[in-house]
Amino acid sequence: MGDRRMISRTVVDSARFLKMPATSQNLYFHLVVNADDDGIVEAYKVMAMCKANEDDLRVLVGKQFVQILNEDLVTYIIHWRQMNVLRADRKTDSIYKDLLLQVNPDVELLEKKERSDLKKKQKNKCQSVDGPRTAQHNLIQSSLIESKSTQENLREDKSINPSIDTADTDESNGEMDGSMNIDNQNSEYRNIVANNIHLDWLRDAASRHGEKEVLMVDEIYETICDMVCNTRDKVKIKNTDYPWAIVKSQYLKLNYQHIANILNRIVDADLRIKNMNAYLISTLYTESMSGVLAEEAELHDDYLKYLRGQPY
């Protein structure tokens, strides 16, 4: 991890940043300083070091300055590439790189390259002084090794995929494998959705107001999972048919703040909703498209809302 980190004024001078509590701003600076070369940091350790609490981190998540990757509060700095420019041949990959790509597959990371000074050293190494016969012997030996390795790889491939050896396929086994793959994929999607919306935080906030609000959080979570996991041709939203793939991609963009906005509207307003399922499907889709814009439009009152307090 590098000892020098950069912070962009375009990020920390924005109204969205300055209207956060001072403790959340302070935590952000400490997170950036302690992040690795991919912009990932163990937030719990940093919070203990600078005497911050989880509410400060939740504000940063809600304002989309950071993204929590797992329950251990491993955190990604969202504006990392905008603020920090590193040489590819000096970068050290994060130990949490695979976790970040699993939670956020669309994230843009700097690809590590071989150090340029090491390339020069390799070019300057002495070439082989083997005679023609020795060189020919080494070439034959190398070819035999490669051939043996290729044969072993083919055997391994056949053992992994028996269909290479046998033309007959057991249809029942194929159906079982297919259903297991679907179940595994659905389980992964459910985990991704839970991480994106910080389901544990939402349940914790709802539990302070009663068991019914916890059930409301769970119902919204199940609605999202149903849309993401169960294939369909089209989805009707406000009397318009949308391709399911597009709606699914939008639902996978939903985060904690989107769900909190919906919950606050349902709890605080007398909406008199006749069809709650249809309302949730259309509202979740709309929130994924314009939730951030709506939040920015109300930014002038955001700090007052923080002082007054909201259930989520």
C-alpha atoms as a PDB file:
ATOM      1  CA  MET A   1       0.000   0.000   0.000  1.00  0.00           C
ATOM      2  CA  GLY A   2       1.312   3.438  -0.921  1.00  0.00           C
ATOM      3  CA  ASP A   3       2.146   6.121   1.650  1.00  0.00           C
ATOM      4  CA  ARG A   4       0.842   8.964  -0.514  1.00  0.00           C
ATOM      5  CA  ARG A   5      -2.802   9.401  -1.469  1.00  0.00           C
ATOM      6  CA  MET A   6      -4.549  12.184  -3.390  1.00  0.00           C
ATOM      7  CA  ILE A   7      -7.959  13.764  -2.739  1.00  0.00           C
ATOM      8  CA  SER A   8      -9.790  15.684  -5.451  1.00  0.00           C
ATOM      9  CA  ARG A   9     -11.304  19.077  -4.644  1.00  0.00           C
ATOM     10  CA  THR A  10     -14.154  18.344  -7.045  1.00  0.00           C
ATOM     11  CA  VAL A  11     -15.231  15.605  -4.637  1.00  0.00           C
ATOM     12  CA  VAL A  12     -14.675  17.190  -1.222  1.00  0.00           C
ATOM     13  CA  ASP A  13     -15.777  20.714  -2.265  1.00  0.00           C
ATOM     14  CA  SER A  14     -19.156  19.515  -3.558  1.00  0.00           C
ATOM     15  CA  ALA A  15     -22.311  20.511  -1.706  1.00  0.00           C
ATOM     16  CA  ARG A  16     -23.173  16.851  -1.230  1.00  0.00           C
ATOM     17  CA  PHE A  17     -19.912  16.336   0.671  1.00  0.00           C
ATOM     18  CA  LEU A  18     -19.887  19.598   2.645  1.00  0.00           C
ATOM     19  CA  LYS A  19     -23.438  19.119   3.929  1.00  0.00           C
ATOM     20  CA  MET A  20     -22.493  15.852   5.576  1.00  0.00           C
ATOM     21  CA  PRO A  21     -21.671  15.879   9.312  1.00  0.00           C
ATOM     22  CA  ALA A  22     -18.058  16.749  10.120  1.00  0.00           C
ATOM     23  CA  THR A  23     -17.514  13.269  11.581  1.00  0.00           C
ATOM     24  CA  SER A  24     -18.485  11.631   8.276  1.00  0.00           C
ATOM     25  CA  GLN A  25     -16.199  13.994   6.345  1.00  0.00           C
ATOM     26  CA  ASN A  26     -13.338  13.183   8.725  1.00  0.00           C
ATOM     27  CA  LEU A  27     -13.930   9.452   8.321  1.00  0.00           C
ATOM     28  CA  TYR A  28     -13.830   9.795   4.510  1.00  0.00           C
ATOM     29  CA  PHE A  29     -10.365  11.399   4.596  1.00  0.00           C
ATOM     30  CA  HIS A  30      -9.047   8.629   6.851  1.00  0.00           C
ATOM     31  CA  LEU A  31     -10.562   5.933   4.598  1.00  0.00           C
ATOM     32  CA  VAL A  32      -8.871   7.411   1.517  1.00  0.00           C
ATOM     33  CA  VAL A  33      -5.473   7.674   3.244  1.00  0.00           C
ATOM     34  CA  ASN A  34      -5.627   4.043   4.394  1.00  0.00           C
ATOM     35  CA  ALA A  35      -6.987   2.535   1.135  1.00  0.00           C
ATOM     36  CA  ASP A  36      -4.897   0.153  -0.973  1.00  0.00           C
ATOM     37  CA  ASP A  37      -4.019   0.667  -4.648  1.00  0.00           C
ATOM     38  CA  ASP A  38      -7.498  -0.457  -5.778  1.00  0.00           C
ATOM     39  CA  GLY A  39      -9.254   1.959  -3.410  1.00  0.00           C
ATOM     40  CA  ILE A  40     -10.344  -0.723  -0.930  1.00  0.00           C
ATOM     41  CA  VAL A  41      -9.987  -0.311   2.835  1.00  0.00           C
ATOM     42  CA  GLU A  42     -10.994  -2.168   5.999  1.00  0.00           C
ATOM     43  CA  ALA A  43     -13.345   0.484   7.375  1.00  0.00           C
ATOM     44  CA  TYR A  44     -13.814  -1.061  10.832  1.00  0.00           C
ATOM     45  CA  LYS A  45     -10.135  -0.659  11.677  1.00  0.00           C
ATOM     46  CA  VAL A  46     -10.112   2.935  10.405  1.00  0.00           C
ATOM     47  CA  MET A  47     -13.284   3.768  12.347  1.00  0.00           C
ATOM     48  CA  ALA A  48     -11.708   2.471  15.547  1.00  0.00           C
ATOM     49  CA  MET A  49      -8.578   4.508  14.853  1.00  0.00           C
ATOM     50  CA  CYS A  50     -10.356   7.859  14.287  1.00  0.00           C
ATOM     51  CA  LYS A  51     -13.145   7.294  16.852  1.00  0.00           C
ATOM     52  CA  ALA A  52     -15.910   7.212  14.210  1.00  0.00           C
ATOM     53  CA  ASN A  53     -19.064   5.099  14.371  1.00  0.00           C
ATOM     54  CA  GLU A  54     -21.237   3.162  11.927  1.00  0.00           C
ATOM     55  CA  ASP A  55     -23.657   6.071  11.524  1.00  0.00           C
ATOM     56  CA  ASP A  56     -20.821   8.117   9.984  1.00  0.00           C
ATOM     57  CA  LEU A  57     -20.148   5.272   7.558  1.00  0.00           C
ATOM     58  CA  ARG A  58     -23.843   4.945   6.736  1.00  0.00           C
ATOM     59  CA  VAL A  59     -23.966   8.607   5.751  1.00  0.00           C
ATOM     60  CA  LEU A  60     -21.042   8.044   3.352  1.00  0.00           C
ATOM     61  CA  VAL A  61     -22.816   5.016   1.886  1.00  0.00           C
ATOM     62  CA  GLY A  62     -26.103   6.883   1.533  1.00  0.00           C
ATOM     63  CA  LYS A  63     -24.355   9.766  -0.244  1.00  0.00           C
ATOM     64  CA  GLN A  64     -22.559   7.254  -2.510  1.00  0.00           C
ATOM     65  CA  PHE A  65     -19.021   8.185  -1.559  1.00  0.00           C
ATOM     66  CA  VAL A  66     -18.218   4.611  -0.494  1.00  0.00           C
ATOM     67  CA  GLN A  67     -19.592   1.117  -1.065  1.00  0.00           C
ATOM     68  CA  ILE A  68     -19.601  -1.633   1.580  1.00  0.00           C
ATOM     69  CA  LEU A  69     -18.470  -4.989   0.162  1.00  0.00           C
ATOM     70  CA  ASN A  70     -19.188  -7.404   3.017  1.00  0.00           C
ATOM     71  CA  GLU A  71     -20.352  -7.681   6.628  1.00  0.00           C
ATOM     72  CA  ASP A  72     -16.807  -7.047   7.896  1.00  0.00           C
ATOM     73  CA  LEU A  73     -17.120  -3.483   6.535  1.00  0.00           C
ATOM     74  CA  VAL A  74     -14.541  -3.909   3.793  1.00  0.00           C
ATOM     75  CA  THR A  75     -15.186  -0.697   1.857  1.00  0.00           C
ATOM     76  CA  TYR A  76     -14.537   0.616  -1.661  1.00  0.00           C
ATOM     77  CA  ILE A  77     -13.893   4.337  -2.302  1.00  0.00           C
ATOM     78  CA  ILE A  78     -16.232   5.083  -5.234  1.00  0.00           C
ATOM     79  CA  HIS A  79     -14.263   8.087  -6.591  1.00  0.00           C
ATOM     80  CA  TRP A  80     -10.888   6.357  -6.203  1.00  0.00           C
ATOM     81  CA  ARG A  81      -9.852   6.374  -9.886  1.00  0.00           C
ATOM     82  CA  GLN A  82     -10.976   9.988 -10.204  1.00  0.00           C
ATOM     83  CA  MET A  83      -8.690  11.041  -7.331  1.00  0.00           C
ATOM     84  CA  ASN A  84      -5.693   8.696  -7.511  1.00  0.00           C
ATOM     85  CA  VAL A  85      -3.625   8.029 -10.631  1.00  0.00           C
ATOM     86  CA  LEU A  86      -1.058   5.253 -10.278  1.00  0.00           C
ATOM     87  CA  ARG A  87       1.518   3.793 -12.630  1.00  0.00           C
ATOM     88  CA  ALA A  88       0.377   0.361 -13.746  1.00  0.00           C
ATOM     89  CA  ASP A  89       3.859  -1.120 -13.226  1.00  0.00           C
ATOM     90  CA  ARG A  90       3.962   0.162  -9.622  1.00  0.00           C
ATOM     91  CA  LYS A  91       0.468  -0.994  -8.609  1.00  0.00           C
ATOM     92  CA  THR A  92      -0.131  -3.752  -6.079  1.00  0.00           C
ATOM     93  CA  ASP A  93      -3.426  -5.601  -6.522  1.00  0.00           C
ATOM     94  CA  SER A  94      -5.765  -5.537  -3.524  1.00  0.00           C
ATOM     95  CA  ILE A  95      -6.322  -8.737  -1.568  1.00  0.00           C
ATOM     96  CA  TYR A  96     -10.036  -7.878  -1.854  1.00  0.00           C
ATOM     97  CA  LYS A  97      -9.986  -7.396  -5.644  1.00  0.00           C
ATOM     98  CA  ASP A  98     -12.042 -10.535  -6.342  1.00  0.00           C
ATOM     99  CA  LEU A  99     -14.602  -9.508  -3.697  1.00  0.00           C
ATOM    100  CA  LEU A 100     -14.990  -6.081  -5.300  1.00  0.00           C
ATOM    101  CA  LEU A 101     -15.489  -7.585  -8.772  1.00  0.00           C
ATOM    102  CA  GLN A 102     -18.048 -10.009  -7.372  1.00  0.00           C
ATOM    103  CA  VAL A 103     -20.102  -7.249  -5.698  1.00  0.00           C
ATOM    104  CA  ASN A 104     -19.537  -4.630  -8.398  1.00  0.00           C
ATOM    105  CA  PRO A 105     -18.653  -6.391 -11.690  1.00  0.00           C
ATOM    106  CA  ASP A 106     -18.810  -3.135 -13.694  1.00  0.00           C
ATOM    107  CA  VAL A 107     -16.146  -1.341 -11.645  1.00  0.00           C
ATOM    108  CA  GLU A 108     -13.152  -0.038 -13.624  1.00  0.00           C
ATOM    109  CA  LEU A 109      -9.827  -1.095 -12.092  1.00  0.00           C
ATOM    110  CA  LEU A 110      -6.266  -0.341 -13.123  1.00  0.00           C
ATOM    111  CA  GLU A 111      -4.646  -3.493 -14.527  1.00  0.00           C
ATOM    112  CA  LYS A 112      -1.259  -4.287 -13.047  1.00  0.00           C
ATOM    113  CA  LYS A 113       1.640  -4.482 -15.532  1.00  0.00           C
ATOM    114  CA  GLU A 114       5.176  -5.796 -15.299  1.00  0.00           C
ATOM    115  CA  ARG A 115       7.686  -3.285 -14.010  1.00  0.00           C
ATOM    116  CA  SER A 116       9.567  -1.583 -16.842  1.00  0.00           C
ATOM    117  CA  ASP A 117      12.933  -1.728 -15.033  1.00  0.00           C
ATOM    118  CA  LEU A 118      12.580  -5.513 -14.649  1.00  0.00           C
ATOM    119  CA  LYS A 119      11.871  -5.866 -18.383  1.00  0.00           C
ATOM    120  CA  LYS A 120      15.157  -4.139 -19.180  1.00  0.00           C
ATOM    121  CA  LYS A 121      17.058  -6.485 -16.883  1.00  0.00           C
ATOM    122  CA  GLN A 122      15.518  -9.510 -18.564  1.00  0.00           C
ATOM    123  CA  LYS A 123      16.527  -8.210 -22.006  1.00  0.00           C
ATOM    124  CA  ASN A 124      20.107  -7.746 -20.835  1.00  0.00           C
ATOM    125  CA  LYS A 125      20.436 -11.328 -19.586  1.00  0.00           C
ATOM    126  CA  CYS A 126      23.047 -13.461 -21.393  1.00  0.00           C
ATOM    127  CA  GLN A 127      21.711 -15.652 -24.169  1.00  0.00           C
ATOM    128  CA  SER A 128      22.257 -19.404 -24.141  1.00  0.00           C
ATOM    129  CA  VAL A 129      25.704 -20.584 -25.348  1.00  0.00           C
ATOM    130  CA  ASP A 130      24.589 -24.171 -26.043  1.00  0.00           C
ATOM    131  CA  GLY A 131      26.082 -25.766 -29.136  1.00  0.00           C
ATOM    132  CA  PRO A 132      23.895 -26.999 -32.007  1.00  0.00           C
ATOM    133  CA  ARG A 133      23.635 -30.547 -30.661  1.00  0.00           C
ATOM    134  CA  THR A 134      22.862 -29.386 -27.096  1.00  0.00           C
ATOM    135  CA  ALA A 135      20.313 -26.882 -28.337  1.00  0.00           C
ATOM    136  CA  GLN A 136      18.660 -29.551 -30.499  1.00  0.00           C
ATOM    137  CA  HIS A 137      18.518 -31.941 -27.519  1.00  0.00           C
ATOM    138  CA  ASN A 138      16.944 -29.249 -25.333  1.00  0.00           C
ATOM    139  CA  LEU A 139      14.400 -28.469 -28.062  1.00  0.00           C
ATOM    140  CA  ILE A 140      13.388 -32.128 -28.376  1.00  0.00           C
ATOM    141  CA  GLN A 141      13.148 -32.481 -24.585  1.00  0.00           C
ATOM    142  CA  SER A 142      11.029 -29.318 -24.363  1.00  0.00           C
ATOM    143  CA  SER A 143       8.684 -30.608 -27.085  1.00  0.00           C
ATOM    144  CA  LEU A 144       8.249 -33.903 -25.251  1.00  0.00           C
ATOM    145  CA  ILE A 145       7.413 -32.084 -22.011  1.00  0.00           C
ATOM    146  CA  GLU A 146       4.873 -29.871 -23.773  1.00  0.00           C
ATOM    147  CA  SER A 147       3.295 -32.900 -25.476  1.00  0.00           C
ATOM    148  CA  LYS A 148       3.049 -34.739 -22.150  1.00  0.00           C
ATOM    149  CA  SER A 149       1.545 -31.677 -20.497  1.00  0.00           C
ATOM    150  CA  THR A 150      -1.022 -31.337 -23.305  1.00  0.00           C
ATOM    151  CA  GLN A 151      -2.055 -34.983 -22.947  1.00  0.00           C
ATOM    152  CA  GLU A 152      -2.458 -34.591 -19.174  1.00  0.00           C
ATOM    153  CA  ASN A 153      -4.602 -31.497 -19.682  1.00  0.00           C
ATOM    154  CA  LEU A 154      -6.811 -33.369 -22.142  1.00  0.00           C
ATOM    155  CA  ARG A 155      -7.256 -36.184 -19.636  1.00  0.00           C
ATOM    156  CA  GLU A 156      -8.194 -33.670 -16.938  1.00  0.00           C
ATOM    157  CA  ASP A 157     -10.684 -31.991 -19.256  1.00  0.00           C
ATOM    158  CA  LYS A 158     -12.278 -35.336 -20.057  1.00  0.00           C
ATOM    159  CA  SER A 159     -12.566 -36.192 -16.378  1.00  0.00           C
ATOM    160  CA  ILE A 160     -14.240 -32.865 -15.722  1.00  0.00           C
ATOM    161  CA  ASN A 161     -16.643 -33.176 -18.658  1.00  0.00           C
ATOM    162  CA  PRO A 162     -17.563 -36.848 -19.228  1.00  0.00           C
ATOM    163  CA  SER A 163     -19.469 -35.933 -22.403  1.00  0.00           C
ATOM    164  CA  ILE A 164     -16.118 -35.854 -24.208  1.00  0.00           C
ATOM    165  CA  ASP A 165     -15.626 -39.581 -23.588  1.00  0.00           C
ATOM    166  CA  THR A 166     -19.194 -40.801 -24.020  1.00  0.00           C
ATOM    167  CA  ALA A 167     -21.725 -39.910 -26.679  1.00  0.00           C
ATOM    168  CA  ASP A 168     -24.663 -40.992 -24.505  1.00  0.00           C
ATOM    169  CA  THR A 169     -25.911 -38.433 -22.010  1.00  0.00           C
ATOM    170  CA  ASP A 170     -28.172 -39.094 -19.066  1.00  0.00           C
ATOM    171  CA  GLU A 171     -31.018 -36.595 -19.422  1.00  0.00           C
ATOM    172  CA  SER A 172     -31.993 -36.803 -15.757  1.00  0.00           C
ATOM    173  CA  ASN A 173     -28.450 -35.896 -14.668  1.00  0.00           C
ATOM    174  CA  GLY A 174     -28.501 -32.981 -17.110  1.00  0.00           C
ATOM    175  CA  GLU A 175     -31.742 -31.700 -15.647  1.00  0.00           C
ATOM    176  CA  MET A 176     -30.349 -31.998 -12.104  1.00  0.00           C
ATOM    177  CA  ASP A 177     -27.185 -30.114 -13.063  1.00  0.00           C
ATOM    178  CA  GLY A 178     -29.242 -27.426 -14.764  1.00  0.00           C
ATOM    179  CA  SER A 179     -31.496 -26.934 -11.746  1.00  0.00           C
ATOM    180  CA  MET A 180     -28.475 -26.859  -9.418  1.00  0.00           C
ATOM    181  CA  ASN A 181     -26.815 -24.210 -11.605  1.00  0.00           C
ATOM    182  CA  ILE A 182     -29.990 -22.113 -11.540  1.00  0.00           C
ATOM    183  CA  ASP A 183     -30.272 -22.463  -7.752  1.00  0.00           C
ATOM    184  CA  ASN A 184     -26.623 -21.446  -7.319  1.00  0.00           C
ATOM    185  CA  GLN A 185     -27.075 -18.482  -9.647  1.00  0.00           C
ATOM    186  CA  ASN A 186     -30.209 -17.360  -7.816  1.00  0.00           C
ATOM    187  CA  SER A 187     -28.410 -17.670  -4.482  1.00  0.00           C
ATOM    188  CA  GLU A 188     -25.597 -15.463  -5.795  1.00  0.00           C
ATOM    189  CA  TYR A 189     -28.104 -12.882  -7.055  1.00  0.00           C
ATOM    190  CA  ARG A 190     -29.842 -12.824  -3.660  1.00  0.00           C
ATOM    191  CA  ASN A 191     -26.495 -12.198  -1.953  1.00  0.00           C
ATOM    192  CA  ILE A 192     -25.644  -9.421  -4.416  1.00  0.00           C
ATOM    193  CA  VAL A 193     -29.002  -7.720  -3.844  1.00  0.00           C
ATOM    194  CA  ALA A 194     -28.625  -8.028  -0.051  1.00  0.00           C
ATOM    195  CA  ASN A 195     -25.159  -6.454  -0.222  1.00  0.00           C
ATOM    196  CA  ASN A 196     -26.248  -3.701  -2.617  1.00  0.00           C
ATOM    197  CA  ILE A 197     -29.127  -2.506  -0.429  1.00  0.00           C
ATOM    198  CA  HIS A 198     -27.358  -3.325   2.891  1.00  0.00           C
ATOM    199  CA  LEU A 199     -30.231  -5.512   4.014  1.00  0.00           C
ATOM    200  CA  ASP A 200     -28.809  -5.907   7.537  1.00  0.00           C
ATOM    201  CA  TRP A 201     -28.730  -2.128   8.038  1.00  0.00           C
ATOM    202  CA  LEU A 202     -32.296  -1.731   6.757  1.00  0.00           C
ATOM    203  CA  ARG A 203     -33.557  -4.467   9.084  1.00  0.00           C
ATOM    204  CA  ASP A 204     -31.696  -2.896  12.003  1.00  0.00           C
ATOM    205  CA  ALA A 205     -33.250   0.525  11.304  1.00  0.00           C
ATOM    206  CA  ALA A 206     -36.721  -0.996  10.864  1.00  0.00           C
ATOM    207  CA  SER A 207     -36.479  -3.049  14.078  1.00  0.00           C
ATOM    208  CA  ARG A 208     -36.455   0.176  16.097  1.00  0.00           C
ATOM    209  CA  HIS A 209     -40.004   0.851  14.898  1.00  0.00           C
ATOM    210  CA  GLY A 210     -41.541  -2.580  15.265  1.00  0.00           C
ATOM    211  CA  GLU A 211     -41.728  -6.016  13.698  1.00  0.00           C
ATOM    212  CA  LYS A 212     -44.103  -4.876  10.943  1.00  0.00           C
ATOM    213  CA  GLU A 213     -41.506  -2.524   9.479  1.00  0.00           C
ATOM    214  CA  VAL A 214     -38.953  -5.359   9.443  1.00  0.00           C
ATOM    215  CA  LEU A 215     -41.492  -7.377   7.434  1.00  0.00           C
ATOM    216  CA  MET A 216     -41.847  -4.398   5.063  1.00  0.00           C
ATOM    217  CA  VAL A 217     -38.081  -4.443   4.451  1.00  0.00           C
ATOM    218  CA  ASP A 218     -38.167  -8.207   3.827  1.00  0.00           C
ATOM    219  CA  GLU A 219     -41.075  -7.870   1.392  1.00  0.00           C
ATOM    220  CA  ILE A 220     -39.216  -5.250  -0.639  1.00  0.00           C
ATOM    221  CA  TYR A 221     -36.105  -7.474  -0.654  1.00  0.00           C
ATOM    222  CA  GLU A 222     -38.144 -10.478  -1.829  1.00  0.00           C
ATOM    223  CA  THR A 223     -39.791  -8.356  -4.551  1.00  0.00           C
ATOM    224  CA  ILE A 224     -36.356  -7.367  -5.886  1.00  0.00           C
ATOM    225  CA  CYS A 225     -35.096 -10.977  -5.748  1.00  0.00           C
ATOM    226  CA  ASP A 226     -38.207 -12.267  -7.509  1.00  0.00           C
ATOM    227  CA  MET A 227     -37.684  -9.796 -10.344  1.00  0.00           C
ATOM    228  CA  VAL A 228     -33.954 -10.547 -10.655  1.00  0.00           C
ATOM    229  CA  CYS A 229     -34.072 -14.340 -10.313  1.00  0.00           C
ATOM    230  CA  ASN A 230     -37.247 -15.387 -12.151  1.00  0.00           C
ATOM    231  CA  THR A 231     -37.103 -15.107 -15.930  1.00  0.00           C
ATOM    232  CA  ARG A 232     -40.026 -13.593 -17.811  1.00  0.00           C
ATOM    233  CA  ASP A 233     -40.599 -12.035 -21.218  1.00  0.00           C
ATOM    234  CA  LYS A 234     -41.818  -8.581 -20.228  1.00  0.00           C
ATOM    235  CA  VAL A 235     -42.614  -6.534 -17.132  1.00  0.00           C
ATOM    236  CA  LYS A 236     -45.565  -4.142 -17.059  1.00  0.00           C
ATOM    237  CA  ILE A 237     -44.679  -0.832 -15.398  1.00  0.00           C
ATOM    238  CA  LYS A 238     -47.284   1.941 -15.449  1.00  0.00           C
ATOM    239  CA  ASN A 239     -49.137   0.390 -18.405  1.00  0.00           C
ATOM    240  CA  THR A 240     -45.923   0.028 -20.420  1.00  0.00           C
ATOM    241  CA  ASP A 241     -44.240  -3.303 -21.240  1.00  0.00           C
ATOM    242  CA  TYR A 242     -40.470  -3.333 -20.653  1.00  0.00           C
ATOM    243  CA  PRO A 243     -38.073  -6.177 -21.570  1.00  0.00           C
ATOM    244  CA  TRP A 244     -37.315  -8.205 -18.449  1.00  0.00           C
ATOM    245  CA  ALA A 245     -33.522  -7.987 -19.006  1.00  0.00           C
ATOM    246  CA  ILE A 246     -33.626  -4.183 -18.811  1.00  0.00           C
ATOM    247  CA  VAL A 247     -35.728  -4.178 -15.635  1.00  0.00           C
ATOM    248  CA  LYS A 248     -33.429  -6.785 -14.087  1.00  0.00           C
ATOM    249  CA  SER A 249     -30.316  -4.701 -14.809  1.00  0.00           C
ATOM    250  CA  GLN A 250     -31.949  -1.649 -13.196  1.00  0.00           C
ATOM    251  CA  TYR A 251     -32.980  -3.627 -10.108  1.00  0.00           C
ATOM    252  CA  LEU A 252     -29.359  -4.736  -9.649  1.00  0.00           C
ATOM    253  CA  LYS A 253     -28.411  -1.041  -9.392  1.00  0.00           C
ATOM    254  CA  LEU A 254     -30.669  -0.438  -6.387  1.00  0.00           C
ATOM    255  CA  ASN A 255     -28.798   0.575  -3.216  1.00  0.00           C
ATOM    256  CA  TYR A 256     -29.515   1.376   0.422  1.00  0.00           C
ATOM    257  CA  GLN A 257     -30.593   4.964  -0.274  1.00  0.00           C
ATOM    258  CA  HIS A 258     -33.097   3.922  -2.948  1.00  0.00           C
ATOM    259  CA  ILE A 259     -34.843   1.494  -0.581  1.00  0.00           C
ATOM    260  CA  ALA A 260     -34.706   3.997   2.290  1.00  0.00           C
ATOM    261  CA  ASN A 261     -36.418   6.606   0.085  1.00  0.00           C
ATOM    262  CA  ILE A 262     -39.221   4.177  -0.750  1.00  0.00           C
ATOM    263  CA  LEU A 263     -39.681   3.102   2.877  1.00  0.00           C
ATOM    264  CA  ASN A 264     -39.815   6.693   4.088  1.00  0.00           C
ATOM    265  CA  ARG A 265     -42.485   7.517   1.502  1.00  0.00           C
ATOM    266  CA  ILE A 266     -44.590   4.486   2.425  1.00  0.00           C
ATOM    267  CA  VAL A 267     -44.309   5.092   6.171  1.00  0.00           C
ATOM    268  CA  ASP A 268     -44.660   8.894   6.189  1.00  0.00           C
ATOM    269  CA  ALA A 269     -47.423   9.386   3.611  1.00  0.00           C
ATOM    270  CA  ASP A 270     -50.996   8.200   3.319  1.00  0.00           C
ATOM    271  CA  LEU A 271     -50.594   6.755  -0.186  1.00  0.00           C
ATOM    272  CA  ARG A 272     -53.709   4.535  -0.173  1.00  0.00           C
ATOM    273  CA  ILE A 273     -52.053   1.987  -2.439  1.00  0.00           C
ATOM    274  CA  LYS A 274     -54.512  -0.486  -3.958  1.00  0.00           C
ATOM    275  CA  ASN A 275     -52.051  -2.945  -5.519  1.00  0.00           C
ATOM    276  CA  MET A 276     -48.876  -2.993  -3.398  1.00  0.00           C
ATOM    277  CA  ASN A 277     -47.034  -5.509  -5.601  1.00  0.00           C
ATOM    278  CA  ALA A 278     -47.537  -3.441  -8.770  1.00  0.00           C
ATOM    279  CA  TYR A 279     -46.650  -0.276  -6.837  1.00  0.00           C
ATOM    280  CA  LEU A 280     -43.375  -1.789  -5.568  1.00  0.00           C
ATOM    281  CA  ILE A 281     -42.354  -3.085  -9.003  1.00  0.00           C
ATOM    282  CA  SER A 282     -42.889   0.278 -10.693  1.00  0.00           C
ATOM    283  CA  THR A 283     -41.488   2.329  -7.791  1.00  0.00           C
ATOM    284  CA  LEU A 284     -38.311   0.243  -7.511  1.00  0.00           C
ATOM    285  CA  TYR A 285     -37.721   0.602 -11.239  1.00  0.00           C
ATOM    286  CA  THR A 286     -38.358   4.368 -11.155  1.00  0.00           C
ATOM    287  CA  GLU A 287     -36.171   4.789  -8.053  1.00  0.00           C
ATOM    288  CA  SER A 288     -33.270   2.982  -9.746  1.00  0.00           C
ATOM    289  CA  MET A 289     -33.536   5.408 -12.671  1.00  0.00           C
ATOM    290  CA  SER A 290     -33.906   8.738 -10.856  1.00  0.00           C
ATOM    291  CA  GLY A 291     -33.419   8.216  -7.131  1.00  0.00           C
ATOM    292  CA  VAL A 292     -30.116  10.095  -7.061  1.00  0.00           C
ATOM    293  CA  LEU A 293     -31.561  13.013  -9.056  1.00  0.00           C
ATOM    294  CA  ALA A 294     -34.476  13.318  -6.652  1.00  0.00           C
ATOM    295  CA  GLU A 295     -32.086  13.278  -3.718  1.00  0.00           C
ATOM    296  CA  GLU A 296     -29.915  16.007  -5.265  1.00  0.00           C
ATOM    297  CA  ALA A 297     -33.009  18.143  -5.880  1.00  0.00           C
ATOM    298  CA  GLU A 298     -33.701  18.106  -2.146  1.00  0.00           C
ATOM    299  CA  LEU A 299     -30.071  18.584  -1.135  1.00  0.00           C
ATOM    300  CA  HIS A 300     -30.626  22.081   0.283  1.00  0.00           C
ATOM    301  CA  ASP A 301     -32.713  20.559   3.096  1.00  0.00           C
ATOM    302  CA  ASP A 302     -30.555  17.492   3.591  1.00  0.00           C
ATOM    303  CA  TYR A 303     -28.592  18.711   6.596  1.00  0.00           C
ATOM    304  CA  LEU A 304     -31.777  19.775   8.369  1.00  0.00           C
ATOM    305  CA  LYS A 305     -33.186  16.306   7.766  1.00  0.00           C
ATOM    306  CA  TYR A 306     -30.048  14.804   9.273  1.00  0.00           C
ATOM    307  CA  LEU A 307     -30.410  16.942  12.392  1.00  0.00           C
ATOM    308  CA  ARG A 308     -34.127  16.117  12.683  1.00  0.00           C
ATOM    309  CA  GLY A 309     -33.512  12.462  12.055  1.00  0.00           C
ATOM    310  CA  GLN A 310     -35.172   9.879   9.822  1.00  0.00           C
ATOM    311  CA  PRO A 311     -35.967   6.245  10.573  1.00  0.00           C
ATOM    312  CA  TYR A 312     -33.670   4.983   7.763  1.00  0.00           C
END
